[in-house]
Amino acid sequence: MTVKKARLKDIAELSGVSIGTVDRVLHDRGEVAEKTRDKVLQIARELNYTPNLMAQVLKSKKPYNLVSLLPRSTEENTFWVKHPIGMLRAMAELDPFPVNLTQINFDLLSEADFVKETKTVLKLQPDGVLLAPIFQTESIAFCSLLRKENIPFVFVDGYVQDTDFLAYIGENVFQSGKVAGQLTEMITPGGKDLLLINLARNLQNVHHLNNRSKGFLSFFSNNSNKFGEKFSLNISNPASDNIKRELDKIFENHHNIGSIFVSGSKSYKVADYIKAHDIRSVNLIGYDLLERNVAHLKSGTISFLIGQRPEEQTYKGVKKLFDFLSSNKMPEKMEYLPIDVVTSENVDFFL
């Protein structure tokens, strides 16, 4: 059965007024008698009238200027390669509308470069911003400027509280750390030590790694007696030779390590070390489906990877910004994506 969509003409005929009067009522412009307004609104509700978004936006001819501010992909960290794919997919669907997207990138290891590029974003006078708030302090300052200019912004990959953001799309960071803890518990023999590795120059300012670490450790708060020592290693310089030196020290002083959890994307760097030293007694859990991570997953050096669906994050982020700007549609503020547990047996379904 085909249901005919209600038109302004239908509401006008049932209300006994002109189409122009119906338009003024529904779009709240111009003077209309209160009795007439109530009647038009009642009939519109009865007909389940919804405006034609495409017609409205195309008629307005107002171009919406969106800007993304995300980390720059590098050879060592290709996680950020997939984010533009999601944005391009969203823009392809929005092709009929007058909307533009400018992509600005910053150095993942440099707060100064992030601050520099925030100024670039503001110079573009965006109508909306898609942001990965990697550096907490600097992101808070930038979001304050966006709010001052009344520019809505959507977070991906993590969020910063108390910044009045429009929406967040991504994992529940703390909970994903707990998932990593549960996976670790499943594959670690009792009595073995657990090692948490953070590859970050300033862990306290990289909020998503910090919160994952807290989630991971919180999982063991109620069953701390099952395992041996639980300790953390924060490596500020992710260069391979430096990681080797740090891990050499760890394995020289700790001979009972059963599992290692790497909180970020560069799990392959720890896996390279484990493979090179033929350490078969240690399980490794990491993040993200980077090609080098996946290779170690398939070979068995990495036991589990946790995926974050980067393309879906940015795709939904762009769409939420556009819907809000074009029709004032308030999005779901916190849209948590599934926490994907990836193994050697199911990884090809995620690629």
Protein backbone atom coordinates (compact mmCIF):
# COMPACT_ATOMS: atom_id res chain seq x y z
CA MET A 1 0.00 0.00 0.00
CA THR A 2 1.39 3.39 -1.04
CA VAL A 3 1.02 6.19 1.49
CA LYS A 4 0.85 9.64 -0.08
CA LYS A 5 3.06 12.22 1.56
CA ALA A 6 1.20 15.28 2.83
CA ARG A 7 1.80 18.55 0.97
CA LEU A 8 1.33 22.20 1.90
CA LYS A 9 -1.59 22.21 -0.53
CA ASP A 10 -3.32 19.41 1.44
CA ILE A 11 -2.95 21.28 4.73
CA ALA A 12 -4.21 24.50 3.12
CA GLU A 13 -7.34 22.84 1.70
CA LEU A 14 -8.27 21.19 5.00
CA SER A 15 -7.55 24.37 6.96
CA GLY A 16 -9.46 26.65 4.58
CA VAL A 17 -6.49 28.99 4.15
CA SER A 18 -3.95 29.79 1.45
CA ILE A 19 -0.73 27.87 0.86
CA GLY A 20 1.14 31.06 1.76
CA THR A 21 -0.54 31.15 5.18
CA VAL A 22 0.40 27.50 5.80
CA ASP A 23 4.00 28.27 4.83
CA ARG A 24 4.13 31.22 7.26
CA VAL A 25 2.77 29.07 10.09
CA LEU A 26 5.06 26.08 9.54
CA HIS A 27 8.15 28.23 9.16
CA ASP A 28 7.18 30.75 11.83
CA ARG A 29 7.46 33.85 9.69
CA GLY A 30 4.93 36.65 9.31
CA GLU A 31 1.80 37.47 11.29
CA VAL A 32 -0.95 34.83 11.46
CA ALA A 33 -4.01 34.85 13.73
CA GLU A 34 -3.57 32.52 16.72
CA LYS A 35 -6.74 30.58 15.92
CA THR A 36 -5.60 30.00 12.34
CA ARG A 37 -2.11 29.02 13.49
CA ASP A 38 -3.47 26.42 15.92
CA LYS A 39 -5.74 24.96 13.24
CA VAL A 40 -2.93 24.67 10.67
CA LEU A 41 -0.57 23.06 13.16
CA GLN A 42 -3.22 20.57 14.28
CA ILE A 43 -3.95 19.46 10.72
CA ALA A 44 -0.23 19.23 9.93
CA ARG A 45 0.20 16.91 12.93
CA GLU A 46 -2.79 14.78 11.88
CA LEU A 47 -1.31 14.39 8.38
CA ASN A 48 2.17 13.60 9.77
CA TYR A 49 3.54 16.38 7.61
CA THR A 50 7.33 16.50 7.25
CA PRO A 51 9.06 19.22 5.23
CA ASN A 52 10.99 18.40 2.09
CA LEU A 53 14.54 18.92 3.33
CA MET A 54 16.12 18.82 -0.11
CA ALA A 55 13.74 21.44 -1.48
CA GLN A 56 14.34 23.70 1.51
CA VAL A 57 18.10 23.49 1.35
CA LEU A 58 18.32 23.85 -2.41
CA LYS A 59 15.95 26.80 -2.29
CA SER A 60 17.99 28.55 0.36
CA LYS A 61 21.14 28.34 -1.83
CA LYS A 62 23.18 28.80 1.34
CA PRO A 63 26.48 26.93 1.09
CA TYR A 64 27.45 25.10 4.26
CA ASN A 65 31.16 25.22 4.95
CA LEU A 66 32.37 22.21 6.94
CA VAL A 67 35.96 21.75 8.12
CA SER A 68 37.59 18.64 9.59
CA LEU A 69 40.62 18.76 11.89
CA LEU A 70 42.15 15.29 12.17
CA PRO A 71 45.65 13.85 12.62
CA ARG A 72 47.81 13.43 9.54
CA SER A 73 48.37 9.82 8.50
CA THR A 74 52.00 8.71 8.50
CA GLU A 75 53.89 5.63 7.42
CA GLU A 76 54.16 4.59 11.07
CA ASN A 77 50.50 5.24 11.87
CA THR A 78 48.14 4.57 8.97
CA PHE A 79 45.07 4.48 11.24
CA TRP A 80 44.10 7.95 10.00
CA VAL A 81 44.05 6.90 6.34
CA LYS A 82 40.49 5.61 6.62
CA HIS A 83 38.88 8.67 8.18
CA PRO A 84 38.82 10.67 4.90
CA ILE A 85 37.11 7.72 3.19
CA GLY A 86 34.13 8.08 5.53
CA MET A 87 33.95 11.82 4.95
CA LEU A 88 34.08 11.39 1.17
CA ARG A 89 31.27 8.85 1.36
CA ALA A 90 29.12 11.32 3.29
CA MET A 91 29.92 14.12 0.87
CA ALA A 92 28.97 11.90 -2.08
CA GLU A 93 25.53 11.40 -0.53
CA LEU A 94 25.25 15.15 0.09
CA ASP A 95 26.25 16.00 -3.47
CA PRO A 96 22.82 17.54 -4.36
CA PHE A 97 23.20 20.05 -1.53
CA PRO A 98 25.31 23.21 -1.36
CA VAL A 99 27.86 21.88 1.14
CA ASN A 100 31.66 21.97 1.08
CA LEU A 101 34.22 20.13 3.20
CA THR A 102 37.80 21.26 3.78
CA GLN A 103 40.18 18.78 5.40
CA ILE A 104 42.87 20.14 7.71
CA ASN A 105 45.43 17.80 9.30
CA PHE A 106 47.88 18.11 12.17
CA ASP A 107 50.92 16.23 13.45
CA LEU A 108 49.78 13.52 15.85
CA LEU A 109 52.90 14.04 17.96
CA SER A 110 52.82 17.84 18.17
CA GLU A 111 50.53 19.96 20.33
CA ALA A 112 52.07 23.05 18.75
CA ASP A 113 51.08 21.91 15.26
CA PHE A 114 47.55 21.19 16.49
CA VAL A 115 47.27 24.75 17.84
CA LYS A 116 48.65 26.14 14.58
CA GLU A 117 46.06 24.27 12.53
CA THR A 118 43.19 25.35 14.79
CA LYS A 119 43.98 28.89 13.66
CA THR A 120 43.80 27.71 10.05
CA VAL A 121 40.36 26.24 10.74
CA LEU A 122 39.06 29.47 12.27
CA LYS A 123 40.32 31.52 9.31
CA LEU A 124 38.12 29.39 7.05
CA GLN A 125 35.04 30.64 8.97
CA PRO A 126 33.42 27.21 9.15
CA ASP A 127 29.74 26.58 9.76
CA GLY A 128 30.62 23.30 11.48
CA VAL A 129 33.75 21.40 12.53
CA LEU A 130 34.58 17.70 12.75
CA LEU A 131 37.32 17.26 15.33
CA ALA A 132 39.54 14.54 16.80
CA PRO A 133 40.45 16.02 20.22
CA ILE A 134 43.74 14.15 20.61
CA PHE A 135 45.35 16.71 22.91
CA GLN A 136 43.03 17.43 25.81
CA THR A 137 44.29 20.82 27.00
CA GLU A 138 44.63 22.31 23.53
CA SER A 139 41.29 20.84 22.41
CA ILE A 140 39.48 22.45 25.34
CA ALA A 141 40.93 25.84 24.39
CA PHE A 142 39.95 25.38 20.72
CA CYS A 143 36.41 24.26 21.59
CA SER A 144 36.02 27.36 23.74
CA LEU A 145 36.81 29.50 20.70
CA LEU A 146 34.34 27.54 18.57
CA ARG A 147 31.58 28.08 21.12
CA LYS A 148 32.41 31.78 21.30
CA GLU A 149 31.89 31.97 17.53
CA ASN A 150 28.74 29.80 17.81
CA ILE A 151 30.26 27.10 15.57
CA PRO A 152 28.91 23.59 16.27
CA PHE A 153 31.47 20.79 16.45
CA VAL A 154 31.34 17.01 16.45
CA PHE A 155 33.98 14.76 18.04
CA VAL A 156 35.36 11.51 16.59
CA ASP A 157 37.88 9.05 18.08
CA GLY A 158 37.31 10.50 21.54
CA TYR A 159 35.57 13.35 23.29
CA VAL A 160 36.35 15.96 25.89
CA GLN A 161 33.72 16.61 28.54
CA ASP A 162 32.37 20.05 29.42
CA THR A 163 33.00 21.49 25.96
CA ASP A 164 29.35 21.73 24.81
CA PHE A 165 29.98 19.54 21.77
CA LEU A 166 27.12 18.77 19.40
CA ALA A 167 27.79 15.02 19.20
CA TYR A 168 30.37 12.27 19.60
CA ILE A 169 30.69 9.19 17.39
CA GLY A 170 33.11 6.45 18.38
CA GLU A 171 33.96 3.87 20.97
CA ASN A 172 33.26 4.11 24.67
CA VAL A 173 36.94 4.63 25.43
CA PHE A 174 36.91 3.55 29.07
CA GLN A 175 34.71 0.53 28.32
CA SER A 176 36.93 -0.57 25.43
CA GLY A 177 39.83 -0.60 27.89
CA LYS A 178 37.77 -2.90 30.08
CA VAL A 179 37.10 -5.14 27.07
CA ALA A 180 40.86 -5.36 26.56
CA GLY A 181 41.14 -6.33 30.21
CA GLN A 182 38.57 -9.10 29.79
CA LEU A 183 40.39 -10.45 26.73
CA THR A 184 43.64 -10.40 28.68
CA GLU A 185 42.04 -12.32 31.52
CA MET A 186 40.80 -14.99 29.11
CA ILE A 187 44.22 -15.81 27.66
CA THR A 188 46.60 -15.19 30.57
CA PRO A 189 47.57 -18.06 32.88
CA GLY A 190 46.97 -17.46 36.57
CA GLY A 191 49.84 -15.94 38.51
CA LYS A 192 51.39 -14.28 35.46
CA ASP A 193 52.28 -10.57 35.38
CA LEU A 194 50.39 -8.10 33.16
CA LEU A 195 52.10 -5.25 31.31
CA LEU A 196 50.29 -2.15 29.98
CA ILE A 197 52.23 -0.18 27.35
CA ASN A 198 51.37 3.38 26.29
CA LEU A 199 53.25 4.82 23.32
CA ALA A 200 52.64 8.54 23.94
CA ARG A 201 54.89 11.53 24.47
CA ASN A 202 52.52 13.05 27.05
CA LEU A 203 50.09 10.41 28.19
CA GLN A 204 48.11 12.65 30.56
CA ASN A 205 47.29 15.01 27.70
CA VAL A 206 46.34 12.23 25.24
CA HIS A 207 42.97 11.60 26.79
CA HIS A 208 41.83 8.54 24.80
CA LEU A 209 44.97 6.52 25.62
CA ASN A 210 44.80 7.66 29.22
CA ASN A 211 41.15 6.61 29.57
CA ARG A 212 41.71 3.26 27.86
CA SER A 213 44.50 2.57 30.31
CA LYS A 214 42.24 3.42 33.24
CA GLY A 215 39.52 1.15 31.85
CA PHE A 216 41.99 -1.70 31.40
CA LEU A 217 43.31 -1.45 34.95
CA SER A 218 39.83 -1.02 36.43
CA PHE A 219 38.80 -4.42 35.05
CA PHE A 220 41.29 -6.10 37.38
CA SER A 221 40.31 -4.14 40.48
CA ASN A 222 37.91 -6.89 41.62
CA ASN A 223 40.07 -9.91 40.74
CA SER A 224 43.55 -8.61 41.46
CA ASN A 225 44.59 -11.80 43.24
CA LYS A 226 44.32 -13.99 40.15
CA PHE A 227 47.40 -12.52 38.51
CA GLY A 228 50.84 -11.41 39.61
CA GLU A 229 52.13 -7.88 39.25
CA LYS A 230 50.30 -5.37 37.05
CA PHE A 231 52.54 -2.56 35.86
CA SER A 232 52.66 0.11 33.18
CA LEU A 233 55.33 1.26 30.76
CA ASN A 234 54.95 4.70 29.18
CA ILE A 235 57.23 5.13 26.18
CA SER A 236 57.38 8.77 25.10
CA ASN A 237 59.60 8.19 22.08
CA PRO A 238 57.98 5.63 19.71
CA ALA A 239 61.11 5.14 17.60
CA SER A 240 61.80 1.44 17.16
CA ASP A 241 65.31 1.58 18.65
CA ASN A 242 63.97 3.35 21.73
CA ILE A 243 61.15 0.82 22.12
CA LYS A 244 63.77 -1.94 21.92
CA ARG A 245 65.81 -0.35 24.71
CA GLU A 246 62.76 0.05 26.94
CA LEU A 247 61.54 -3.51 26.34
CA ASP A 248 65.04 -4.90 26.89
CA LYS A 249 64.98 -3.35 30.37
CA ILE A 250 61.50 -4.68 31.09
CA PHE A 251 62.25 -8.27 30.12
CA GLU A 252 65.59 -8.19 31.95
CA ASN A 253 63.83 -7.24 35.19
CA HIS A 254 60.50 -9.06 34.77
CA HIS A 255 60.58 -12.74 33.85
CA ASN A 256 56.94 -13.55 34.59
CA ILE A 257 55.06 -11.48 32.01
CA GLY A 258 52.08 -13.36 30.63
CA SER A 259 50.31 -10.69 28.57
CA ILE A 260 50.91 -7.20 27.18
CA PHE A 261 48.22 -4.67 26.31
CA VAL A 262 49.23 -1.82 23.97
CA SER A 263 46.69 1.01 24.31
CA GLY A 264 47.18 2.58 20.87
CA SER A 265 47.52 1.82 17.19
CA LYS A 266 51.24 1.02 17.13
CA SER A 267 50.89 -2.46 18.58
CA TYR A 268 53.00 -3.77 15.69
CA LYS A 269 56.09 -2.08 17.16
CA VAL A 270 55.85 -4.22 20.28
CA ALA A 271 54.94 -7.24 18.13
CA ASP A 272 58.09 -6.65 16.04
CA TYR A 273 60.16 -6.91 19.22
CA ILE A 274 58.38 -10.04 20.45
CA LYS A 275 58.82 -11.75 17.10
CA ALA A 276 62.46 -10.71 16.71
CA HIS A 277 63.27 -12.11 20.17
CA ASP A 278 61.14 -15.23 19.67
CA ILE A 279 59.17 -14.61 22.87
CA ARG A 280 56.40 -17.20 22.63
CA SER A 281 55.16 -17.12 26.21
CA VAL A 282 53.64 -13.62 26.01
CA ASN A 283 50.18 -12.77 24.66
CA LEU A 284 49.70 -9.39 22.98
CA ILE A 285 46.47 -7.37 22.68
CA GLY A 286 46.37 -4.16 20.66
CA TYR A 287 44.27 -1.65 18.74
CA ASP A 288 43.27 -0.92 15.17
CA LEU A 289 43.42 -2.73 11.87
CA LEU A 290 46.63 -1.27 10.50
CA GLU A 291 48.20 -3.46 7.83
CA ARG A 292 51.21 -4.22 10.02
CA ASN A 293 49.00 -5.02 13.02
CA VAL A 294 46.90 -7.36 10.91
CA ALA A 295 50.00 -9.17 9.64
CA HIS A 296 51.05 -9.89 13.22
CA LEU A 297 47.49 -10.93 14.10
CA LYS A 298 47.43 -13.46 11.27
CA SER A 299 50.85 -14.84 12.20
CA GLY A 300 49.82 -15.25 15.84
CA THR A 301 52.17 -12.67 17.41
CA ILE A 302 49.14 -10.53 18.29
CA SER A 303 46.26 -12.43 19.91
CA PHE A 304 43.50 -9.82 19.56
CA LEU A 305 42.97 -6.43 17.98
CA ILE A 306 40.20 -4.02 18.92
CA GLY A 307 38.71 -2.13 15.96
CA GLN A 308 37.19 1.36 16.07
CA ARG A 309 35.40 1.73 12.68
CA PRO A 310 37.10 5.01 11.66
CA GLU A 311 35.21 5.36 8.37
CA GLU A 312 31.87 5.07 10.14
CA GLN A 313 32.89 7.69 12.69
CA THR A 314 33.63 10.40 10.14
CA TYR A 315 30.75 9.45 7.84
CA LYS A 316 28.24 9.89 10.63
CA GLY A 317 30.00 13.00 11.92
CA VAL A 318 29.64 14.84 8.62
CA LYS A 319 26.00 13.80 8.28
CA LYS A 320 25.15 14.95 11.81
CA LEU A 321 26.72 18.36 11.20
CA PHE A 322 24.82 18.82 7.95
CA ASP A 323 21.48 17.73 9.41
CA PHE A 324 21.91 20.16 12.29
CA LEU A 325 22.92 23.09 10.09
CA SER A 326 20.33 22.53 7.36
CA SER A 327 17.29 21.58 9.44
CA ASN A 328 18.27 22.25 13.05
CA LYS A 329 17.98 18.53 13.77
CA MET A 330 19.57 17.76 17.11
CA PRO A 331 21.60 14.56 16.84
CA GLU A 332 22.02 11.85 19.42
CA LYS A 333 24.77 13.36 21.55
CA MET A 334 26.64 10.15 22.39
CA GLU A 335 26.65 7.53 19.63
CA TYR A 336 28.85 4.70 20.80
CA LEU A 337 29.91 2.34 18.04
CA PRO A 338 30.36 -1.40 18.66
CA ILE A 339 33.68 -2.46 20.18
CA ASP A 340 34.97 -4.88 17.56
CA VAL A 341 37.04 -7.78 18.90
CA VAL A 342 39.10 -8.98 15.93
CA THR A 343 40.92 -12.31 15.72
CA SER A 344 42.95 -14.07 13.04
CA GLU A 345 39.81 -16.00 12.12
CA ASN A 346 37.47 -13.04 11.51
CA VAL A 347 39.84 -10.21 10.54
CA ASP A 348 39.18 -10.50 6.79
CA PHE A 349 35.51 -9.64 7.38
CA PHE A 350 36.58 -6.26 8.77
CA LEU A 351 38.96 -5.31 5.96
